[in-house]
Amino acid sequence: MMNKRELIYSIAEQTGYTQTEVRNILNTFISTVFEEVKSDNKVRIGGLGVFSLLYQKSRPVRNPQTMEPIVLAPRNSVKFRPADDLVRKLNGEEK
C-alpha cells in the first residue's frame, strides 16, 4: 500500500516539482475536498470518481466480545464512487 509520503515522492519524480511543492498541493487538495464534502457538496474528479457525504443513522449493534447490545450514535462519513473510466482501466477494458 502506498502512503502519503510515497505518493508525494512519486508525483514529484514524475512532474519535476519539488516534494515540498507537491506536499502543499496535495494538502490543499485534501483540505478542499474535506471542506466541500463537509458542506454537503459532491466533489467530482473526472477519471477518478465522486466524493460525497454519507449520513449514517443510529443503529443497534452488539459488542462481539461481550455480546452486549449497544446503539451506535448517528454520524457522518464519506462515500466514494469510482468513475466508470477508472473501473474499466482496472479491468483492462478499453473505451
N, C-alpha and C. Protein backbone atom coordinates (compact mmCIF):
# COMPACT_ATOMS: atom_id res chain seq x y z
N MET A 1 0.84 -1.17 0.00
CA MET A 1 0.00 0.00 0.00
C MET A 1 0.89 1.24 0.00
N MET A 2 0.54 2.20 -0.84
CA MET A 2 1.30 3.44 -0.93
C MET A 2 0.80 4.41 0.13
N ASN A 3 1.72 5.01 0.87
CA ASN A 3 1.32 6.02 1.85
C ASN A 3 1.50 7.42 1.25
N LYS A 4 1.13 8.43 2.01
CA LYS A 4 1.16 9.80 1.52
C LYS A 4 2.57 10.22 1.12
N ARG A 5 3.55 9.87 1.91
CA ARG A 5 4.94 10.25 1.62
C ARG A 5 5.40 9.65 0.30
N GLU A 6 5.05 8.38 0.07
CA GLU A 6 5.43 7.72 -1.18
C GLU A 6 4.68 8.33 -2.38
N LEU A 7 3.43 8.71 -2.17
CA LEU A 7 2.66 9.36 -3.23
C LEU A 7 3.29 10.70 -3.60
N ILE A 8 3.67 11.47 -2.62
CA ILE A 8 4.33 12.76 -2.86
C ILE A 8 5.63 12.55 -3.63
N TYR A 9 6.43 11.58 -3.21
CA TYR A 9 7.69 11.29 -3.89
C TYR A 9 7.44 10.90 -5.35
N SER A 10 6.45 10.04 -5.58
CA SER A 10 6.16 9.56 -6.93
C SER A 10 5.70 10.71 -7.83
N ILE A 11 4.81 11.55 -7.33
CA ILE A 11 4.34 12.69 -8.13
C ILE A 11 5.49 13.65 -8.41
N ALA A 12 6.33 13.91 -7.43
CA ALA A 12 7.48 14.81 -7.62
C ALA A 12 8.42 14.26 -8.69
N GLU A 13 8.67 12.96 -8.65
CA GLU A 13 9.55 12.34 -9.65
C GLU A 13 8.97 12.45 -11.05
N GLN A 14 7.65 12.27 -11.18
CA GLN A 14 7.01 12.28 -12.50
C GLN A 14 6.83 13.68 -13.07
N THR A 15 6.71 14.68 -12.20
CA THR A 15 6.39 16.02 -12.68
C THR A 15 7.56 16.99 -12.67
N GLY A 16 8.57 16.70 -11.87
CA GLY A 16 9.69 17.63 -11.75
C GLY A 16 9.48 18.69 -10.68
N TYR A 17 8.30 18.70 -10.05
CA TYR A 17 8.09 19.61 -8.92
C TYR A 17 8.86 19.10 -7.71
N THR A 18 9.14 19.99 -6.76
CA THR A 18 9.81 19.54 -5.54
C THR A 18 8.79 18.82 -4.66
N GLN A 19 9.30 18.01 -3.75
CA GLN A 19 8.41 17.31 -2.84
C GLN A 19 7.62 18.28 -1.96
N THR A 20 8.23 19.40 -1.62
CA THR A 20 7.54 20.41 -0.81
C THR A 20 6.37 21.00 -1.59
N GLU A 21 6.59 21.31 -2.86
CA GLU A 21 5.51 21.84 -3.69
C GLU A 21 4.37 20.83 -3.83
N VAL A 22 4.73 19.59 -4.09
CA VAL A 22 3.72 18.53 -4.24
C VAL A 22 2.97 18.34 -2.92
N ARG A 23 3.68 18.35 -1.79
CA ARG A 23 3.04 18.19 -0.48
C ARG A 23 2.03 19.31 -0.25
N ASN A 24 2.41 20.56 -0.57
CA ASN A 24 1.50 21.69 -0.40
C ASN A 24 0.26 21.54 -1.28
N ILE A 25 0.46 21.14 -2.53
CA ILE A 25 -0.67 20.95 -3.45
C ILE A 25 -1.57 19.83 -2.96
N LEU A 26 -0.99 18.72 -2.55
CA LEU A 26 -1.78 17.57 -2.08
C LEU A 26 -2.55 17.94 -0.81
N ASN A 27 -1.90 18.63 0.12
CA ASN A 27 -2.59 19.05 1.35
C ASN A 27 -3.74 20.01 1.04
N THR A 28 -3.53 20.91 0.08
CA THR A 28 -4.60 21.82 -0.33
C THR A 28 -5.74 21.05 -0.98
N PHE A 29 -5.42 20.07 -1.81
CA PHE A 29 -6.43 19.22 -2.43
C PHE A 29 -7.26 18.51 -1.37
N ILE A 30 -6.59 17.89 -0.41
CA ILE A 30 -7.28 17.14 0.64
C ILE A 30 -8.18 18.06 1.47
N SER A 31 -7.66 19.23 1.87
CA SER A 31 -8.48 20.13 2.69
C SER A 31 -9.66 20.70 1.90
N THR A 32 -9.47 20.94 0.59
CA THR A 32 -10.56 21.43 -0.24
C THR A 32 -11.65 20.38 -0.38
N VAL A 33 -11.27 19.14 -0.64
CA VAL A 33 -12.25 18.05 -0.72
C VAL A 33 -12.98 17.92 0.62
N PHE A 34 -12.25 17.97 1.72
CA PHE A 34 -12.85 17.87 3.06
C PHE A 34 -13.89 18.95 3.28
N GLU A 35 -13.53 20.20 2.98
CA GLU A 35 -14.44 21.32 3.22
C GLU A 35 -15.69 21.22 2.35
N GLU A 36 -15.53 20.82 1.09
CA GLU A 36 -16.67 20.70 0.20
C GLU A 36 -17.60 19.56 0.64
N VAL A 37 -17.03 18.42 0.98
CA VAL A 37 -17.85 17.29 1.43
C VAL A 37 -18.53 17.63 2.75
N LYS A 38 -17.81 18.29 3.63
CA LYS A 38 -18.38 18.70 4.92
C LYS A 38 -19.57 19.63 4.71
N SER A 39 -19.52 20.46 3.66
CA SER A 39 -20.61 21.38 3.33
C SER A 39 -21.71 20.69 2.52
N ASP A 40 -21.66 19.38 2.43
CA ASP A 40 -22.65 18.56 1.71
C ASP A 40 -22.63 18.80 0.21
N ASN A 41 -21.47 19.14 -0.33
CA ASN A 41 -21.28 19.26 -1.77
C ASN A 41 -20.54 18.04 -2.27
N LYS A 42 -20.91 17.56 -3.44
CA LYS A 42 -20.18 16.45 -4.05
C LYS A 42 -18.94 17.00 -4.73
N VAL A 43 -17.86 16.21 -4.72
CA VAL A 43 -16.63 16.58 -5.42
C VAL A 43 -16.40 15.52 -6.49
N ARG A 44 -16.55 15.94 -7.73
CA ARG A 44 -16.39 15.03 -8.87
C ARG A 44 -15.04 15.30 -9.53
N ILE A 45 -14.22 14.26 -9.63
CA ILE A 45 -12.92 14.36 -10.27
C ILE A 45 -12.94 13.41 -11.46
N GLY A 46 -12.95 13.99 -12.65
CA GLY A 46 -13.02 13.19 -13.87
C GLY A 46 -11.93 12.14 -13.94
N GLY A 47 -12.31 10.92 -14.26
CA GLY A 47 -11.35 9.83 -14.37
C GLY A 47 -11.04 9.16 -13.05
N LEU A 48 -11.46 9.77 -11.93
CA LEU A 48 -11.20 9.18 -10.62
C LEU A 48 -12.51 8.78 -9.94
N GLY A 49 -13.39 9.74 -9.69
CA GLY A 49 -14.66 9.41 -9.06
C GLY A 49 -15.28 10.59 -8.35
N VAL A 50 -16.26 10.28 -7.49
CA VAL A 50 -17.03 11.29 -6.79
C VAL A 50 -16.96 11.03 -5.28
N PHE A 51 -16.62 12.08 -4.53
CA PHE A 51 -16.67 12.04 -3.08
C PHE A 51 -17.96 12.72 -2.65
N SER A 52 -18.70 12.12 -1.72
CA SER A 52 -19.92 12.74 -1.23
C SER A 52 -20.12 12.39 0.25
N LEU A 53 -20.97 13.18 0.89
CA LEU A 53 -21.27 12.99 2.31
C LEU A 53 -22.26 11.85 2.46
N LEU A 54 -22.05 11.00 3.44
CA LEU A 54 -22.93 9.88 3.72
C LEU A 54 -23.41 10.00 5.15
N TYR A 55 -24.72 10.15 5.33
CA TYR A 55 -25.31 10.21 6.67
C TYR A 55 -25.61 8.80 7.13
N GLN A 56 -25.10 8.43 8.29
CA GLN A 56 -25.36 7.11 8.84
C GLN A 56 -26.24 7.28 10.07
N LYS A 57 -27.42 6.66 10.04
CA LYS A 57 -28.36 6.75 11.15
C LYS A 57 -27.84 5.94 12.34
N SER A 58 -28.40 6.23 13.52
CA SER A 58 -28.04 5.40 14.68
C SER A 58 -28.62 4.01 14.43
N ARG A 59 -27.93 3.00 14.95
CA ARG A 59 -28.37 1.63 14.72
C ARG A 59 -27.93 0.74 15.86
N PRO A 60 -28.72 -0.28 16.14
CA PRO A 60 -28.33 -1.22 17.21
C PRO A 60 -27.26 -2.19 16.69
N VAL A 61 -26.27 -2.45 17.54
CA VAL A 61 -25.22 -3.41 17.23
C VAL A 61 -24.91 -4.21 18.49
N ARG A 62 -24.07 -5.19 18.38
CA ARG A 62 -23.63 -5.97 19.54
C ARG A 62 -22.12 -5.90 19.66
N ASN A 63 -21.66 -5.77 20.89
CA ASN A 63 -20.24 -5.87 21.16
C ASN A 63 -19.85 -7.33 20.94
N PRO A 64 -18.94 -7.63 20.01
CA PRO A 64 -18.64 -9.03 19.71
C PRO A 64 -17.96 -9.78 20.86
N GLN A 65 -17.31 -9.06 21.75
CA GLN A 65 -16.64 -9.73 22.87
C GLN A 65 -17.62 -10.09 23.99
N THR A 66 -18.53 -9.16 24.29
CA THR A 66 -19.44 -9.38 25.41
C THR A 66 -20.86 -9.72 24.97
N MET A 67 -21.13 -9.57 23.67
CA MET A 67 -22.46 -9.77 23.09
C MET A 67 -23.51 -8.82 23.69
N GLU A 68 -23.02 -7.76 24.33
CA GLU A 68 -23.91 -6.76 24.91
C GLU A 68 -24.45 -5.86 23.80
N PRO A 69 -25.78 -5.67 23.75
CA PRO A 69 -26.32 -4.78 22.72
C PRO A 69 -26.05 -3.31 23.06
N ILE A 70 -25.67 -2.56 22.05
CA ILE A 70 -25.44 -1.12 22.21
C ILE A 70 -26.02 -0.41 20.98
N VAL A 71 -26.16 0.90 21.08
CA VAL A 71 -26.67 1.68 19.95
C VAL A 71 -25.56 2.62 19.50
N LEU A 72 -25.19 2.51 18.23
CA LEU A 72 -24.20 3.42 17.67
C LEU A 72 -24.87 4.76 17.39
N ALA A 73 -24.20 5.82 17.76
CA ALA A 73 -24.72 7.17 17.52
C ALA A 73 -24.70 7.48 16.02
N PRO A 74 -25.58 8.35 15.57
CA PRO A 74 -25.53 8.74 14.16
C PRO A 74 -24.23 9.49 13.87
N ARG A 75 -23.76 9.36 12.63
CA ARG A 75 -22.51 10.02 12.28
C ARG A 75 -22.46 10.28 10.78
N ASN A 76 -21.55 11.13 10.41
CA ASN A 76 -21.30 11.41 9.00
C ASN A 76 -20.07 10.64 8.56
N SER A 77 -20.08 10.22 7.31
CA SER A 77 -18.95 9.52 6.74
C SER A 77 -18.80 10.01 5.30
N VAL A 78 -17.83 9.47 4.60
CA VAL A 78 -17.59 9.85 3.21
C VAL A 78 -17.83 8.64 2.32
N LYS A 79 -18.52 8.89 1.23
CA LYS A 79 -18.75 7.85 0.24
C LYS A 79 -17.91 8.20 -0.99
N PHE A 80 -17.26 7.20 -1.56
CA PHE A 80 -16.50 7.39 -2.80
C PHE A 80 -17.06 6.45 -3.85
N ARG A 81 -17.45 7.01 -4.97
CA ARG A 81 -17.93 6.21 -6.10
C ARG A 81 -16.93 6.36 -7.22
N PRO A 82 -16.25 5.28 -7.59
CA PRO A 82 -15.23 5.39 -8.65
C PRO A 82 -15.86 5.70 -10.00
N ALA A 83 -15.12 6.42 -10.82
CA ALA A 83 -15.57 6.75 -12.18
C ALA A 83 -15.57 5.49 -13.03
N ASP A 84 -16.47 5.46 -14.00
CA ASP A 84 -16.55 4.30 -14.90
C ASP A 84 -15.23 4.07 -15.62
N ASP A 85 -14.56 5.16 -16.04
CA ASP A 85 -13.26 5.03 -16.71
C ASP A 85 -12.24 4.34 -15.83
N LEU A 86 -12.22 4.67 -14.55
CA LEU A 86 -11.28 4.06 -13.62
C LEU A 86 -11.54 2.56 -13.50
N VAL A 87 -12.80 2.20 -13.37
CA VAL A 87 -13.16 0.78 -13.25
C VAL A 87 -12.79 0.03 -14.52
N ARG A 88 -13.06 0.64 -15.68
CA ARG A 88 -12.69 -0.01 -16.95
C ARG A 88 -11.19 -0.24 -17.04
N LYS A 89 -10.40 0.79 -16.67
CA LYS A 89 -8.95 0.65 -16.74
C LYS A 89 -8.44 -0.41 -15.78
N LEU A 90 -9.04 -0.50 -14.59
CA LEU A 90 -8.64 -1.52 -13.62
C LEU A 90 -8.91 -2.93 -14.14
N ASN A 91 -9.93 -3.05 -14.98
CA ASN A 91 -10.30 -4.35 -15.52
C ASN A 91 -9.72 -4.60 -16.90
N GLY A 92 -8.81 -3.71 -17.36
CA GLY A 92 -8.13 -3.91 -18.62
C GLY A 92 -9.02 -3.70 -19.84
N GLU A 93 -10.13 -3.01 -19.64
CA GLU A 93 -11.04 -2.76 -20.77
C GLU A 93 -10.70 -1.40 -21.37
N GLU A 94 -10.77 -1.32 -22.66
CA GLU A 94 -10.55 -0.06 -23.35
C GLU A 94 -11.90 0.56 -23.66
N LYS A 95 -11.93 1.86 -23.77
CA LYS A 95 -13.15 2.59 -24.04
C LYS A 95 -13.64 2.39 -25.44
